[in-house]
Amino acid sequence: TWREHWINPMGHRRGADTELSEPRQNLSTWYELPL
């Protein structure tokens, strides 16, 4: 898991997650804007 907890003064953030096993491999990324 990689997280960037704040990117700019507006509080935007982003991250990436990966899980690797024999039957399943995945990689996901996200970008978040607080409301």
Full PDB file with SEQRES, HELIX, SHEET, SSBOND, CRYST1, ORIGX, SCALE, CONECT and MASTER records, all heavy atoms in Angstrom:
SEQRES   1 A   35  THR TRP ARG GLU HIS TRP ILE ASN PRO MET GLY HIS ARG          
SEQRES   2 A   35  ARG GLY ALA ASP THR GLU LEU SER GLU PRO ARG GLN ASN          
SEQRES   3 A   35  LEU SER THR TRP TYR GLU LEU PRO LEU                          
SHEET    1 AA1 3 TRP A   2  GLU A   4  0                                        
SHEET    2 AA1 3 ARG A  13  LEU A  20 -1                                        
SHEET    3 AA1 3 GLN A  25  GLU A  32 -1                                        
CRYST1    1.000    1.000    1.000  90.00  90.00  90.00 P 1           1          
ORIGX1      1.000000  0.000000  0.000000        0.00000                         
ORIGX2      0.000000  1.000000  0.000000        0.00000                         
ORIGX3      0.000000  0.000000  1.000000        0.00000                         
SCALE1      1.000000  0.000000  0.000000        0.00000                         
SCALE2      0.000000  1.000000  0.000000        0.00000                         
SCALE3      0.000000  0.000000  1.000000        0.00000                         
ATOM      1  N   THR A   1       0.853  -1.191   0.000  1.00  0.00           N  
ATOM      2  CA  THR A   1       0.000   0.000   0.000  1.00  0.00           C  
ATOM      3  C   THR A   1       0.891   1.243   0.000  1.00  0.00           C  
ATOM      4  O   THR A   1       1.779   1.375   0.856  1.00  0.00           O  
ATOM      5  CB  THR A   1      -0.900   0.035   1.246  1.00  0.00           C  
ATOM      6  OG1 THR A   1      -1.727  -1.130   1.261  1.00  0.00           O  
ATOM      7  CG2 THR A   1      -1.785   1.268   1.234  1.00  0.00           C  
ATOM      8  N   TRP A   2       0.645   2.122  -0.946  1.00  0.00           N  
ATOM      9  CA  TRP A   2       1.343   3.412  -1.010  1.00  0.00           C  
ATOM     10  C   TRP A   2       0.310   4.521  -0.870  1.00  0.00           C  
ATOM     11  O   TRP A   2      -0.746   4.488  -1.501  1.00  0.00           O  
ATOM     12  CB  TRP A   2       2.097   3.544  -2.332  1.00  0.00           C  
ATOM     13  CG  TRP A   2       2.696   4.913  -2.532  1.00  0.00           C  
ATOM     14  CD1 TRP A   2       3.848   5.402  -1.993  1.00  0.00           C  
ATOM     15  CD2 TRP A   2       2.169   5.968  -3.353  1.00  0.00           C  
ATOM     16  NE1 TRP A   2       4.066   6.696  -2.407  1.00  0.00           N  
ATOM     17  CE2 TRP A   2       3.044   7.069  -3.243  1.00  0.00           C  
ATOM     18  CE3 TRP A   2       1.026   6.089  -4.156  1.00  0.00           C  
ATOM     19  CZ2 TRP A   2       2.827   8.273  -3.913  1.00  0.00           C  
ATOM     20  CZ3 TRP A   2       0.811   7.293  -4.830  1.00  0.00           C  
ATOM     21  CH2 TRP A   2       1.702   8.369  -4.698  1.00  0.00           C  
ATOM     22  N   ARG A   3       0.591   5.481  -0.002  1.00  0.00           N  
ATOM     23  CA  ARG A   3      -0.335   6.588   0.229  1.00  0.00           C  
ATOM     24  C   ARG A   3       0.397   7.918   0.137  1.00  0.00           C  
ATOM     25  O   ARG A   3       1.514   8.073   0.652  1.00  0.00           O  
ATOM     26  CB  ARG A   3      -0.964   6.488   1.626  1.00  0.00           C  
ATOM     27  CG  ARG A   3      -1.874   5.292   1.830  1.00  0.00           C  
ATOM     28  CD  ARG A   3      -3.213   5.498   1.142  1.00  0.00           C  
ATOM     29  NE  ARG A   3      -4.142   4.429   1.444  1.00  0.00           N  
ATOM     30  CZ  ARG A   3      -4.241   3.298   0.762  1.00  0.00           C  
ATOM     31  NH1 ARG A   3      -3.438   3.083  -0.279  1.00  0.00           N  
ATOM     32  NH2 ARG A   3      -5.117   2.370   1.091  1.00  0.00           N  
ATOM     33  N   GLU A   4      -0.232   8.862  -0.520  1.00  0.00           N  
ATOM     34  CA  GLU A   4       0.188  10.268  -0.457  1.00  0.00           C  
ATOM     35  C   GLU A   4      -0.938  11.000   0.267  1.00  0.00           C  
ATOM     36  O   GLU A   4      -2.006  11.234  -0.286  1.00  0.00           O  
ATOM     37  CB  GLU A   4       0.423  10.847  -1.844  1.00  0.00           C  
ATOM     38  CG  GLU A   4       1.149  12.175  -1.802  1.00  0.00           C  
ATOM     39  CD  GLU A   4       1.768  12.562  -3.127  1.00  0.00           C  
ATOM     40  OE1 GLU A   4       1.550  11.849  -4.128  1.00  0.00           O  
ATOM     41  OE2 GLU A   4       2.472  13.590  -3.166  1.00  0.00           O  
ATOM     42  N   HIS A   5      -0.706  11.325   1.534  1.00  0.00           N  
ATOM     43  CA  HIS A   5      -1.769  11.753   2.430  1.00  0.00           C  
ATOM     44  C   HIS A   5      -2.258  13.166   2.144  1.00  0.00           C  
ATOM     45  O   HIS A   5      -3.373  13.516   2.529  1.00  0.00           O  
ATOM     46  CB  HIS A   5      -1.293  11.649   3.875  1.00  0.00           C  
ATOM     47  CG  HIS A   5      -0.832  10.277   4.235  1.00  0.00           C  
ATOM     48  ND1 HIS A   5      -1.699   9.239   4.485  1.00  0.00           N  
ATOM     49  CD2 HIS A   5       0.419   9.746   4.352  1.00  0.00           C  
ATOM     50  CE1 HIS A   5      -1.015   8.143   4.761  1.00  0.00           C  
ATOM     51  NE2 HIS A   5       0.272   8.418   4.688  1.00  0.00           N  
ATOM     52  N   TRP A   6      -1.448  13.961   1.546  1.00  0.00           N  
ATOM     53  CA  TRP A   6      -1.882  15.282   1.084  1.00  0.00           C  
ATOM     54  C   TRP A   6      -1.022  15.688  -0.110  1.00  0.00           C  
ATOM     55  O   TRP A   6       0.177  15.452  -0.141  1.00  0.00           O  
ATOM     56  CB  TRP A   6      -1.823  16.326   2.194  1.00  0.00           C  
ATOM     57  CG  TRP A   6      -0.560  16.314   3.019  1.00  0.00           C  
ATOM     58  CD1 TRP A   6      -0.349  15.682   4.198  1.00  0.00           C  
ATOM     59  CD2 TRP A   6       0.678  16.973   2.706  1.00  0.00           C  
ATOM     60  NE1 TRP A   6       0.930  15.891   4.645  1.00  0.00           N  
ATOM     61  CE2 TRP A   6       1.588  16.683   3.761  1.00  0.00           C  
ATOM     62  CE3 TRP A   6       1.116  17.775   1.659  1.00  0.00           C  
ATOM     63  CZ2 TRP A   6       2.895  17.165   3.782  1.00  0.00           C  
ATOM     64  CZ3 TRP A   6       2.419  18.256   1.676  1.00  0.00           C  
ATOM     65  CH2 TRP A   6       3.287  17.961   2.728  1.00  0.00           C  
ATOM     66  N   ILE A   7      -1.701  16.249  -1.095  1.00  0.00           N  
ATOM     67  CA  ILE A   7      -1.024  16.649  -2.327  1.00  0.00           C  
ATOM     68  C   ILE A   7      -0.948  18.161  -2.436  1.00  0.00           C  
ATOM     69  O   ILE A   7       0.053  18.725  -2.874  1.00  0.00           O  
ATOM     70  CB  ILE A   7      -1.746  16.067  -3.560  1.00  0.00           C  
ATOM     71  CG1 ILE A   7      -1.761  14.534  -3.486  1.00  0.00           C  
ATOM     72  CG2 ILE A   7      -1.096  16.531  -4.847  1.00  0.00           C  
ATOM     73  CD1 ILE A   7      -2.639  13.891  -4.539  1.00  0.00           C  
ATOM     74  N   ASN A   8      -2.029  18.820  -1.980  1.00  0.00           N  
ATOM     75  CA  ASN A   8      -2.121  20.278  -2.110  1.00  0.00           C  
ATOM     76  C   ASN A   8      -2.890  20.831  -0.912  1.00  0.00           C  
ATOM     77  O   ASN A   8      -3.429  20.064  -0.097  1.00  0.00           O  
ATOM     78  CB  ASN A   8      -2.810  20.647  -3.436  1.00  0.00           C  
ATOM     79  CG  ASN A   8      -4.138  19.925  -3.607  1.00  0.00           C  
ATOM     80  OD1 ASN A   8      -4.889  19.757  -2.654  1.00  0.00           O  
ATOM     81  ND2 ASN A   8      -4.435  19.483  -4.824  1.00  0.00           N  
ATOM     82  N   PRO A   9      -2.946  22.132  -0.754  1.00  0.00           N  
ATOM     83  CA  PRO A   9      -3.644  22.710   0.405  1.00  0.00           C  
ATOM     84  C   PRO A   9      -5.133  22.386   0.465  1.00  0.00           C  
ATOM     85  O   PRO A   9      -5.750  22.538   1.517  1.00  0.00           O  
ATOM     86  CB  PRO A   9      -3.410  24.225   0.235  1.00  0.00           C  
ATOM     87  CG  PRO A   9      -2.152  24.329  -0.561  1.00  0.00           C  
ATOM     88  CD  PRO A   9      -2.197  23.177  -1.516  1.00  0.00           C  
ATOM     89  N   MET A  10      -5.728  21.942  -0.632  1.00  0.00           N  
ATOM     90  CA  MET A  10      -7.146  21.562  -0.608  1.00  0.00           C  
ATOM     91  C   MET A  10      -7.372  20.177  -0.019  1.00  0.00           C  
ATOM     92  O   MET A  10      -8.511  19.743   0.116  1.00  0.00           O  
ATOM     93  CB  MET A  10      -7.739  21.625  -2.018  1.00  0.00           C  
ATOM     94  CG  MET A  10      -8.027  23.043  -2.478  1.00  0.00           C  
ATOM     95  SD  MET A  10      -6.532  23.885  -3.039  1.00  0.00           S  
ATOM     96  CE  MET A  10      -6.280  23.107  -4.626  1.00  0.00           C  
ATOM     97  N   GLY A  11      -6.307  19.477   0.309  1.00  0.00           N  
ATOM     98  CA  GLY A  11      -6.445  18.176   0.962  1.00  0.00           C  
ATOM     99  C   GLY A  11      -6.635  17.002   0.027  1.00  0.00           C  
ATOM    100  O   GLY A  11      -7.030  15.922   0.474  1.00  0.00           O  
ATOM    101  N   HIS A  12      -6.346  17.182  -1.263  1.00  0.00           N  
ATOM    102  CA  HIS A  12      -6.448  16.041  -2.179  1.00  0.00           C  
ATOM    103  C   HIS A  12      -5.390  15.003  -1.796  1.00  0.00           C  
ATOM    104  O   HIS A  12      -4.326  15.326  -1.278  1.00  0.00           O  
ATOM    105  CB  HIS A  12      -6.212  16.494  -3.622  1.00  0.00           C  
ATOM    106  CG  HIS A  12      -7.268  17.414  -4.123  1.00  0.00           C  
ATOM    107  ND1 HIS A  12      -7.372  17.787  -5.440  1.00  0.00           N  
ATOM    108  CD2 HIS A  12      -8.293  18.046  -3.479  1.00  0.00           C  
ATOM    109  CE1 HIS A  12      -8.396  18.623  -5.595  1.00  0.00           C  
ATOM    110  NE2 HIS A  12      -8.964  18.784  -4.418  1.00  0.00           N  
ATOM    111  N   ARG A  13      -5.698  13.731  -2.070  1.00  0.00           N  
ATOM    112  CA  ARG A  13      -4.753  12.664  -1.777  1.00  0.00           C  
ATOM    113  C   ARG A  13      -4.905  11.558  -2.809  1.00  0.00           C  
ATOM    114  O   ARG A  13      -5.892  11.487  -3.548  1.00  0.00           O  
ATOM    115  CB  ARG A  13      -4.954  12.138  -0.366  1.00  0.00           C  
ATOM    116  CG  ARG A  13      -6.372  11.875   0.043  1.00  0.00           C  
ATOM    117  CD  ARG A  13      -6.448  11.688   1.547  1.00  0.00           C  
ATOM    118  NE  ARG A  13      -7.801  11.902   2.051  1.00  0.00           N  
ATOM    119  CZ  ARG A  13      -8.100  12.156   3.302  1.00  0.00           C  
ATOM    120  NH1 ARG A  13      -7.132  12.218   4.198  1.00  0.00           N  
ATOM    121  NH2 ARG A  13      -9.338  12.351   3.694  1.00  0.00           N  
ATOM    122  N   ARG A  14      -3.932  10.646  -2.810  1.00  0.00           N  
ATOM    123  CA  ARG A  14      -3.966   9.554  -3.776  1.00  0.00           C  
ATOM    124  C   ARG A  14      -3.211   8.363  -3.206  1.00  0.00           C  
ATOM    125  O   ARG A  14      -2.488   8.480  -2.210  1.00  0.00           O  
ATOM    126  CB  ARG A  14      -3.364   9.980  -5.110  1.00  0.00           C  
ATOM    127  CG  ARG A  14      -1.922  10.442  -5.028  1.00  0.00           C  
ATOM    128  CD  ARG A  14      -1.494  11.110  -6.318  1.00  0.00           C  
ATOM    129  NE  ARG A  14      -0.192  11.764  -6.181  1.00  0.00           N  
ATOM    130  CZ  ARG A  14       0.272  12.668  -7.020  1.00  0.00           C  
ATOM    131  NH1 ARG A  14      -0.461  13.055  -8.059  1.00  0.00           N  
ATOM    132  NH2 ARG A  14       1.460  13.223  -6.841  1.00  0.00           N  
ATOM    133  N   GLY A  15      -3.386   7.224  -3.865  1.00  0.00           N  
ATOM    134  CA  GLY A  15      -2.721   6.034  -3.370  1.00  0.00           C  
ATOM    135  C   GLY A  15      -2.822   4.893  -4.354  1.00  0.00           C  
ATOM    136  O   GLY A  15      -3.482   4.983  -5.396  1.00  0.00           O  
ATOM    137  N   ALA A  16      -2.133   3.814  -4.005  1.00  0.00           N  
ATOM    138  CA  ALA A  16      -2.151   2.612  -4.834  1.00  0.00           C  
ATOM    139  C   ALA A  16      -2.071   1.395  -3.916  1.00  0.00           C  
ATOM    140  O   ALA A  16      -1.412   1.434  -2.871  1.00  0.00           O  
ATOM    141  CB  ALA A  16      -0.989   2.615  -5.821  1.00  0.00           C  
ATOM    142  N   ASP A  17      -2.758   0.324  -4.299  1.00  0.00           N  
ATOM    143  CA  ASP A  17      -2.779  -0.922  -3.539  1.00  0.00           C  
ATOM    144  C   ASP A  17      -2.534  -2.088  -4.483  1.00  0.00           C  
ATOM    145  O   ASP A  17      -3.014  -2.080  -5.627  1.00  0.00           O  
ATOM    146  CB  ASP A  17      -4.132  -1.122  -2.843  1.00  0.00           C  
ATOM    147  CG  ASP A  17      -4.478   0.020  -1.913  1.00  0.00           C  
ATOM    148  OD1 ASP A  17      -3.978   0.020  -0.785  1.00  0.00           O  
ATOM    149  OD2 ASP A  17      -5.254   0.907  -2.327  1.00  0.00           O  
ATOM    150  N   THR A  18      -1.807  -3.066  -3.986  1.00  0.00           N  
ATOM    151  CA  THR A  18      -1.605  -4.271  -4.771  1.00  0.00           C  
ATOM    152  C   THR A  18      -1.717  -5.493  -3.881  1.00  0.00           C  
ATOM    153  O   THR A  18      -1.398  -5.443  -2.688  1.00  0.00           O  
ATOM    154  CB  THR A  18      -0.226  -4.264  -5.470  1.00  0.00           C  
ATOM    155  OG1 THR A  18      -0.128  -5.405  -6.320  1.00  0.00           O  
ATOM    156  CG2 THR A  18       0.908  -4.300  -4.451  1.00  0.00           C  
ATOM    157  N   GLU A  19      -2.230  -6.575  -4.441  1.00  0.00           N  
ATOM    158  CA  GLU A  19      -2.299  -7.864  -3.751  1.00  0.00           C  
ATOM    159  C   GLU A  19      -1.883  -8.937  -4.734  1.00  0.00           C  
ATOM    160  O   GLU A  19      -2.426  -9.023  -5.841  1.00  0.00           O  
ATOM    161  CB  GLU A  19      -3.701  -8.149  -3.227  1.00  0.00           C  
ATOM    162  CG  GLU A  19      -3.811  -9.491  -2.521  1.00  0.00           C  
ATOM    163  CD  GLU A  19      -5.205  -9.778  -2.005  1.00  0.00           C  
ATOM    164  OE1 GLU A  19      -5.932  -8.824  -1.686  1.00  0.00           O  
ATOM    165  OE2 GLU A  19      -5.564 -10.971  -1.942  1.00  0.00           O  
ATOM    166  N   LEU A  20      -0.910  -9.749  -4.325  1.00  0.00           N  
ATOM    167  CA  LEU A  20      -0.385 -10.794  -5.195  1.00  0.00           C  
ATOM    168  C   LEU A  20      -0.501 -12.134  -4.494  1.00  0.00           C  
ATOM    169  O   LEU A  20       0.019 -12.325  -3.397  1.00  0.00           O  
ATOM    170  CB  LEU A  20       1.086 -10.510  -5.534  1.00  0.00           C  
ATOM    171  CG  LEU A  20       1.398  -9.143  -6.160  1.00  0.00           C  
ATOM    172  CD1 LEU A  20       2.896  -8.979  -6.351  1.00  0.00           C  
ATOM    173  CD2 LEU A  20       0.665  -8.982  -7.489  1.00  0.00           C  
ATOM    174  N   SER A  21      -1.207 -13.063  -5.121  1.00  0.00           N  
ATOM    175  CA  SER A  21      -1.289 -14.434  -4.659  1.00  0.00           C  
ATOM    176  C   SER A  21      -1.321 -15.326  -5.888  1.00  0.00           C  
ATOM    177  O   SER A  21      -1.414 -14.843  -7.021  1.00  0.00           O  
ATOM    178  CB  SER A  21      -2.531 -14.654  -3.790  1.00  0.00           C  
ATOM    179  OG  SER A  21      -3.714 -14.459  -4.553  1.00  0.00           O  
ATOM    180  N   GLU A  22      -1.245 -16.625  -5.666  1.00  0.00           N  
ATOM    181  CA  GLU A  22      -1.198 -17.516  -6.823  1.00  0.00           C  
ATOM    182  C   GLU A  22      -2.450 -17.425  -7.688  1.00  0.00           C  
ATOM    183  O   GLU A  22      -2.351 -17.312  -8.912  1.00  0.00           O  
ATOM    184  CB  GLU A  22      -0.972 -18.956  -6.364  1.00  0.00           C  
ATOM    185  CG  GLU A  22      -0.855 -19.933  -7.528  1.00  0.00           C  
ATOM    186  CD  GLU A  22      -0.613 -21.356  -7.061  1.00  0.00           C  
ATOM    187  OE1 GLU A  22      -0.538 -21.581  -5.839  1.00  0.00           O  
ATOM    188  OE2 GLU A  22      -0.499 -22.245  -7.922  1.00  0.00           O  
ATOM    189  N   PRO A  23      -3.659 -17.420  -7.099  1.00  0.00           N  
ATOM    190  CA  PRO A  23      -4.840 -17.380  -7.975  1.00  0.00           C  
ATOM    191  C   PRO A  23      -5.274 -15.961  -8.373  1.00  0.00           C  
ATOM    192  O   PRO A  23      -6.062 -15.808  -9.292  1.00  0.00           O  
ATOM    193  CB  PRO A  23      -5.925 -18.040  -7.127  1.00  0.00           C  
ATOM    194  CG  PRO A  23      -5.538 -17.707  -5.721  1.00  0.00           C  
ATOM    195  CD  PRO A  23      -4.036 -17.695  -5.701  1.00  0.00           C  
ATOM    196  N   ARG A  24      -4.767 -14.940  -7.662  1.00  0.00           N  
ATOM    197  CA  ARG A  24      -5.275 -13.598  -7.941  1.00  0.00           C  
ATOM    198  C   ARG A  24      -4.150 -12.582  -7.830  1.00  0.00           C  
ATOM    199  O   ARG A  24      -3.363 -12.592  -6.888  1.00  0.00           O  
ATOM    200  CB  ARG A  24      -6.390 -13.234  -6.963  1.00  0.00           C  
ATOM    201  CG  ARG A  24      -6.929 -11.823  -7.152  1.00  0.00           C  
ATOM    202  CD  ARG A  24      -7.861 -11.428  -6.029  1.00  0.00           C  
ATOM    203  NE  ARG A  24      -9.032 -12.269  -5.967  1.00  0.00           N  
ATOM    204  CZ  ARG A  24      -9.540 -12.783  -4.848  1.00  0.00           C  
ATOM    205  NH1 ARG A  24      -8.962 -12.542  -3.686  1.00  0.00           N  
ATOM    206  NH2 ARG A  24     -10.616 -13.557  -4.879  1.00  0.00           N  
ATOM    207  N   GLN A  25      -4.108 -11.659  -8.797  1.00  0.00           N  
ATOM    208  CA  GLN A  25      -3.182 -10.541  -8.741  1.00  0.00           C  
ATOM    209  C   GLN A  25      -3.955  -9.278  -9.122  1.00  0.00           C  
ATOM    210  O   GLN A  25      -4.724  -9.280 -10.087  1.00  0.00           O  
ATOM    211  CB  GLN A  25      -2.013 -10.717  -9.718  1.00  0.00           C  
ATOM    212  CG  GLN A  25      -1.238 -12.033  -9.549  1.00  0.00           C  
ATOM    213  CD  GLN A  25      -1.832 -13.167 -10.340  1.00  0.00           C  
ATOM    214  OE1 GLN A  25      -2.194 -12.998 -11.502  1.00  0.00           O  
ATOM    215  NE2 GLN A  25      -1.947 -14.354  -9.732  1.00  0.00           N  
ATOM    216  N   ASN A  26      -3.775  -8.239  -8.347  1.00  0.00           N  
ATOM    217  CA  ASN A  26      -4.471  -7.000  -8.695  1.00  0.00           C  
ATOM    218  C   ASN A  26      -3.641  -5.782  -8.328  1.00  0.00           C  
ATOM    219  O   ASN A  26      -2.789  -5.826  -7.442  1.00  0.00           O  
ATOM    220  CB  ASN A  26      -5.868  -6.927  -8.070  1.00  0.00           C  
ATOM    221  CG  ASN A  26      -5.831  -6.868  -6.561  1.00  0.00           C  
ATOM    222  OD1 ASN A  26      -5.174  -6.009  -5.978  1.00  0.00           O  
ATOM    223  ND2 ASN A  26      -6.551  -7.772  -5.906  1.00  0.00           N  
ATOM    224  N   LEU A  27      -3.920  -4.702  -9.025  1.00  0.00           N  
ATOM    225  CA  LEU A  27      -3.319  -3.400  -8.762  1.00  0.00           C  
ATOM    226  C   LEU A  27      -4.405  -2.358  -8.946  1.00  0.00           C  
ATOM    227  O   LEU A  27      -5.093  -2.342  -9.970  1.00  0.00           O  
ATOM    228  CB  LEU A  27      -2.157  -3.124  -9.722  1.00  0.00           C  
ATOM    229  CG  LEU A  27      -1.554  -1.712  -9.661  1.00  0.00           C  
ATOM    230  CD1 LEU A  27      -0.864  -1.487  -8.324  1.00  0.00           C  
ATOM    231  CD2 LEU A  27      -0.578  -1.491 -10.814  1.00  0.00           C  
ATOM    232  N   SER A  28      -4.591  -1.497  -7.938  1.00  0.00           N  
ATOM    233  CA  SER A  28      -5.605  -0.448  -8.032  1.00  0.00           C  
ATOM    234  C   SER A  28      -5.000   0.877  -7.574  1.00  0.00           C  
ATOM    235  O   SER A  28      -4.126   0.919  -6.706  1.00  0.00           O  
ATOM    236  CB  SER A  28      -6.824  -0.781  -7.167  1.00  0.00           C  
ATOM    237  OG  SER A  28      -6.460  -0.896  -5.810  1.00  0.00           O  
ATOM    238  N   THR A  29      -5.465   1.944  -8.187  1.00  0.00           N  
ATOM    239  CA  THR A  29      -5.038   3.290  -7.813  1.00  0.00           C  
ATOM    240  C   THR A  29      -6.269   4.149  -7.610  1.00  0.00           C  
ATOM    241  O   THR A  29      -7.356   3.866  -8.136  1.00  0.00           O  
ATOM    242  CB  THR A  29      -4.146   3.918  -8.893  1.00  0.00           C  
ATOM    243  OG1 THR A  29      -4.910   4.056 -10.108  1.00  0.00           O  
ATOM    244  CG2 THR A  29      -2.921   3.062  -9.163  1.00  0.00           C  
ATOM    245  N   TRP A  30      -6.104   5.218  -6.832  1.00  0.00           N  
ATOM    246  CA  TRP A  30      -7.230   6.106  -6.571  1.00  0.00           C  
ATOM    247  C   TRP A  30      -6.750   7.527  -6.315  1.00  0.00           C  
ATOM    248  O   TRP A  30      -5.597   7.763  -5.933  1.00  0.00           O  
ATOM    249  CB  TRP A  30      -8.062   5.611  -5.388  1.00  0.00           C  
ATOM    250  CG  TRP A  30      -7.263   5.342  -4.146  1.00  0.00           C  
ATOM    251  CD1 TRP A  30      -6.715   4.157  -3.769  1.00  0.00           C  
ATOM    252  CD2 TRP A  30      -6.911   6.282  -3.129  1.00  0.00           C  
ATOM    253  NE1 TRP A  30      -6.046   4.288  -2.573  1.00  0.00           N  
ATOM    254  CE2 TRP A  30      -6.149   5.576  -2.163  1.00  0.00           C  
ATOM    255  CE3 TRP A  30      -7.158   7.636  -2.931  1.00  0.00           C  
ATOM    256  CZ2 TRP A  30      -5.640   6.205  -1.018  1.00  0.00           C  
ATOM    257  CZ3 TRP A  30      -6.653   8.261  -1.796  1.00  0.00           C  
ATOM    258  CH2 TRP A  30      -5.898   7.543  -0.850  1.00  0.00           C  
ATOM    259  N   TYR A  31      -7.640   8.447  -6.567  1.00  0.00           N  
ATOM    260  CA  TYR A  31      -7.407   9.874  -6.302  1.00  0.00           C  
ATOM    261  C   TYR A  31      -8.649  10.396  -5.588  1.00  0.00           C  
ATOM    262  O   TYR A  31      -9.771  10.160  -6.032  1.00  0.00           O  
ATOM    263  CB  TYR A  31      -7.178  10.641  -7.605  1.00  0.00           C  
ATOM    264  CG  TYR A  31      -6.714  12.064  -7.418  1.00  0.00           C  
ATOM    265  CD1 TYR A  31      -5.363  12.394  -7.514  1.00  0.00           C  
ATOM    266  CD2 TYR A  31      -7.618  13.098  -7.168  1.00  0.00           C  
ATOM    267  CE1 TYR A  31      -4.921  13.699  -7.355  1.00  0.00           C  
ATOM    268  CE2 TYR A  31      -7.184  14.403  -7.002  1.00  0.00           C  
ATOM    269  CZ  TYR A  31      -5.840  14.699  -7.098  1.00  0.00           C  
ATOM    270  OH  TYR A  31      -5.413  16.003  -6.939  1.00  0.00           O  
ATOM    271  N   GLU A  32      -8.450  11.107  -4.459  1.00  0.00           N  
ATOM    272  CA  GLU A  32      -9.568  11.460  -3.589  1.00  0.00           C  
ATOM    273  C   GLU A  32      -9.640  12.963  -3.367  1.00  0.00           C  
ATOM    274  O   GLU A  32      -8.625  13.626  -3.125  1.00  0.00           O  
ATOM    275  CB  GLU A  32      -9.381  10.753  -2.252  1.00  0.00           C  
ATOM    276  CG  GLU A  32     -10.648  10.561  -1.443  1.00  0.00           C  
ATOM    277  CD  GLU A  32     -10.388   9.605  -0.284  1.00  0.00           C  
ATOM    278  OE1 GLU A  32     -10.560   8.377  -0.472  1.00  0.00           O  
ATOM    279  OE2 GLU A  32      -9.992  10.088   0.791  1.00  0.00           O  
ATOM    280  N   LEU A  33     -10.864  13.504  -3.411  1.00  0.00           N  
ATOM    281  CA  LEU A  33     -11.133  14.922  -3.156  1.00  0.00           C  
ATOM    282  C   LEU A  33     -12.109  15.011  -1.989  1.00  0.00           C  
ATOM    283  O   LEU A  33     -13.222  14.498  -2.080  1.00  0.00           O  
ATOM    284  CB  LEU A  33     -11.749  15.606  -4.380  1.00  0.00           C  
ATOM    285  CG  LEU A  33     -10.952  15.634  -5.684  1.00  0.00           C  
ATOM    286  CD1 LEU A  33     -11.116  14.337  -6.464  1.00  0.00           C  
ATOM    287  CD2 LEU A  33     -11.396  16.819  -6.557  1.00  0.00           C  
ATOM    288  N   PRO A  34     -11.722  15.650  -0.887  1.00  0.00           N  
ATOM    289  CA  PRO A  34     -12.641  15.767   0.244  1.00  0.00           C  
ATOM    290  C   PRO A  34     -13.769  16.743  -0.052  1.00  0.00           C  
ATOM    291  O   PRO A  34     -13.592  17.743  -0.761  1.00  0.00           O  
ATOM    292  CB  PRO A  34     -11.743  16.272   1.377  1.00  0.00           C  
ATOM    293  CG  PRO A  34     -10.650  17.011   0.677  1.00  0.00           C  
ATOM    294  CD  PRO A  34     -10.421  16.295  -0.618  1.00  0.00           C  
ATOM    295  N   LEU A  35     -14.944  16.436   0.498  1.00  0.00           N  
ATOM    296  CA  LEU A  35     -16.107  17.317   0.392  1.00  0.00           C  
ATOM    297  C   LEU A  35     -16.470  17.807   1.789  1.00  0.00           C  
ATOM    298  O   LEU A  35     -15.736  17.616   2.746  1.00  0.00           O  
ATOM    299  CB  LEU A  35     -17.267  16.572  -0.267  1.00  0.00           C  
ATOM    300  CG  LEU A  35     -17.011  16.032  -1.681  1.00  0.00           C  
ATOM    301  CD1 LEU A  35     -18.216  15.236  -2.178  1.00  0.00           C  
ATOM    302  CD2 LEU A  35     -16.689  17.172  -2.649  1.00  0.00           C  
TER     303      LEU A  35                                                      
MASTER        0    0    0    0    3    0    0    6  302    1    0    3          
END                                                                             
